[in-house]
Each structure stands twice: as structure tokens, then as C-alpha cells.
């Protein structure tokens, strides 16, 4: 089983030279909601993650740190 770790959207935005407000606008969400995802307060829903990955030109798996978990859990 895999576990979602830290959100990497902030790092991806920095790499792309894009502001949080721009990504939020393009995703049609409030900037505060995007901030909640970046701070790991909430996990981004899959449809939104797919769109974020498309905008950021990365794989959906790149949006979060993926941690290998216990296979028996």
C-alpha cells in the first residue's frame, strides 16, 4: 500500500515560475483552497489533481510525495 506524503505543488509552482493565484484561477478554485492542499490540510480530489498535473505539465504522481507503506496493511 502507498501513502500520500507531503504535497509538492508548491515546489512545482516554483519550478514553473507560476503563482498559486494563477493555478487556482486556472483550476477555478479559491486560492485559499489551493493553499489548504499545498499545506496538506486537505488532499486534492483526483479530478482536480488530474487538471493540476495537466496545467503544471507533470504526472499526477508528482503532485504528492509517495511513501511505500506496509504491504500487509
C-alpha atoms as a PDB file:
ATOM      1  CA  UNK A   1       0.000   0.000   0.000  1.00  0.00           C
ATOM      2  CA  UNK A   2       1.216   3.509  -0.797  1.00  0.00           C
ATOM      3  CA  UNK A   3       0.719   6.535   1.429  1.00  0.00           C
ATOM      4  CA  UNK A   4       0.423  10.139   0.263  1.00  0.00           C
ATOM      5  CA  UNK A   5       3.080  12.277   1.871  1.00  0.00           C
ATOM      6  CA  UNK A   6       3.814  15.965   1.547  1.00  0.00           C
ATOM      7  CA  UNK A   7       2.201  17.954  -1.227  1.00  0.00           C
ATOM      8  CA  UNK A   8       4.723  19.024  -3.876  1.00  0.00           C
ATOM      9  CA  UNK A   9       2.539  21.563  -5.680  1.00  0.00           C
ATOM     10  CA  UNK A  10       4.363  24.485  -4.084  1.00  0.00           C
ATOM     11  CA  UNK A  11       7.697  23.173  -5.380  1.00  0.00           C
ATOM     12  CA  UNK A  12       6.229  22.539  -8.819  1.00  0.00           C
ATOM     13  CA  UNK A  13       4.830  26.075  -8.951  1.00  0.00           C
ATOM     14  CA  UNK A  14       8.253  27.457  -8.052  1.00  0.00           C
ATOM     15  CA  UNK A  15       9.930  25.370 -10.750  1.00  0.00           C
ATOM     16  CA  UNK A  16       7.395  26.520 -13.358  1.00  0.00           C
ATOM     17  CA  UNK A  17       7.564  30.156 -12.235  1.00  0.00           C
ATOM     18  CA  UNK A  18       3.821  30.172 -11.608  1.00  0.00           C
ATOM     19  CA  UNK A  19       1.996  31.828  -8.716  1.00  0.00           C
ATOM     20  CA  UNK A  20      -0.527  29.991  -6.543  1.00  0.00           C
ATOM     21  CA  UNK A  21      -3.177  32.504  -7.562  1.00  0.00           C
ATOM     22  CA  UNK A  22      -2.636  31.671 -11.243  1.00  0.00           C
ATOM     23  CA  UNK A  23      -3.001  27.926 -10.679  1.00  0.00           C
ATOM     24  CA  UNK A  24      -6.083  28.487  -8.519  1.00  0.00           C
ATOM     25  CA  UNK A  25      -7.624  30.668 -11.228  1.00  0.00           C
ATOM     26  CA  UNK A  26      -6.943  28.069 -13.911  1.00  0.00           C
ATOM     27  CA  UNK A  27      -8.376  25.309 -11.694  1.00  0.00           C
ATOM     28  CA  UNK A  28     -11.393  27.532 -10.929  1.00  0.00           C
ATOM     29  CA  UNK A  29     -10.936  27.201  -7.175  1.00  0.00           C
ATOM     30  CA  UNK A  30     -10.375  29.783  -4.444  1.00  0.00           C
ATOM     31  CA  UNK A  31      -6.689  30.491  -3.731  1.00  0.00           C
ATOM     32  CA  UNK A  32      -7.270  29.602  -0.071  1.00  0.00           C
ATOM     33  CA  UNK A  33      -8.444  26.135  -1.098  1.00  0.00           C
ATOM     34  CA  UNK A  34      -5.277  25.610  -3.123  1.00  0.00           C
ATOM     35  CA  UNK A  35      -3.282  26.739  -0.103  1.00  0.00           C
ATOM     36  CA  UNK A  36      -5.054  24.084   2.003  1.00  0.00           C
ATOM     37  CA  UNK A  37      -3.934  21.426  -0.456  1.00  0.00           C
ATOM     38  CA  UNK A  38      -0.351  22.721  -0.500  1.00  0.00           C
ATOM     39  CA  UNK A  39      -0.237  22.770   3.320  1.00  0.00           C
ATOM     40  CA  UNK A  40      -1.635  19.203   3.483  1.00  0.00           C
ATOM     41  CA  UNK A  41      -4.719  20.356   5.362  1.00  0.00           C
ATOM     42  CA  UNK A  42      -6.833  18.676   2.651  1.00  0.00           C
ATOM     43  CA  UNK A  43      -5.999  16.195  -0.102  1.00  0.00           C
ATOM     44  CA  UNK A  44      -6.779  17.341  -3.616  1.00  0.00           C
ATOM     45  CA  UNK A  45      -9.592  15.316  -5.238  1.00  0.00           C
ATOM     46  CA  UNK A  46      -8.471  13.194  -8.182  1.00  0.00           C
ATOM     47  CA  UNK A  47     -10.294  15.159 -10.939  1.00  0.00           C
ATOM     48  CA  UNK A  48      -8.706  18.379  -9.671  1.00  0.00           C
ATOM     49  CA  UNK A  49      -5.301  16.690  -9.360  1.00  0.00           C
ATOM     50  CA  UNK A  50      -5.506  15.499 -12.968  1.00  0.00           C
ATOM     51  CA  UNK A  51      -6.178  19.062 -14.105  1.00  0.00           C
ATOM     52  CA  UNK A  52      -3.424  20.480 -11.884  1.00  0.00           C
ATOM     53  CA  UNK A  53      -0.951  17.969 -13.326  1.00  0.00           C
ATOM     54  CA  UNK A  54      -2.004  18.918 -16.853  1.00  0.00           C
ATOM     55  CA  UNK A  55      -1.512  22.627 -16.118  1.00  0.00           C
ATOM     56  CA  UNK A  56       1.825  22.028 -14.371  1.00  0.00           C
ATOM     57  CA  UNK A  57       2.929  19.635 -17.148  1.00  0.00           C
ATOM     58  CA  UNK A  58       3.710  16.780 -14.781  1.00  0.00           C
ATOM     59  CA  UNK A  59       2.306  13.403 -13.780  1.00  0.00           C
ATOM     60  CA  UNK A  60      -0.413  13.223 -11.138  1.00  0.00           C
ATOM     61  CA  UNK A  61       2.034  11.197  -9.022  1.00  0.00           C
ATOM     62  CA  UNK A  62       4.368  14.212  -8.976  1.00  0.00           C
ATOM     63  CA  UNK A  63       1.865  16.299  -7.000  1.00  0.00           C
ATOM     64  CA  UNK A  64       2.443  14.411  -3.748  1.00  0.00           C
ATOM     65  CA  UNK A  65       5.301  12.558  -2.138  1.00  0.00           C
ATOM     66  CA  UNK A  66       4.540   8.829  -2.395  1.00  0.00           C
ATOM     67  CA  UNK A  67       5.632   6.762   0.590  1.00  0.00           C
ATOM     68  CA  UNK A  68       5.743   2.955   0.441  1.00  0.00           C
ATOM     69  CA  UNK A  69       3.615   1.571   3.259  1.00  0.00           C
ATOM     70  CA  UNK A  70       3.209  -1.809   4.875  1.00  0.00           C
ATOM     71  CA  UNK A  71       2.080  -4.260   2.186  1.00  0.00           C
ATOM     72  CA  UNK A  72       0.088  -6.246   4.753  1.00  0.00           C
ATOM     73  CA  UNK A  73      -1.987  -3.299   5.942  1.00  0.00           C
END
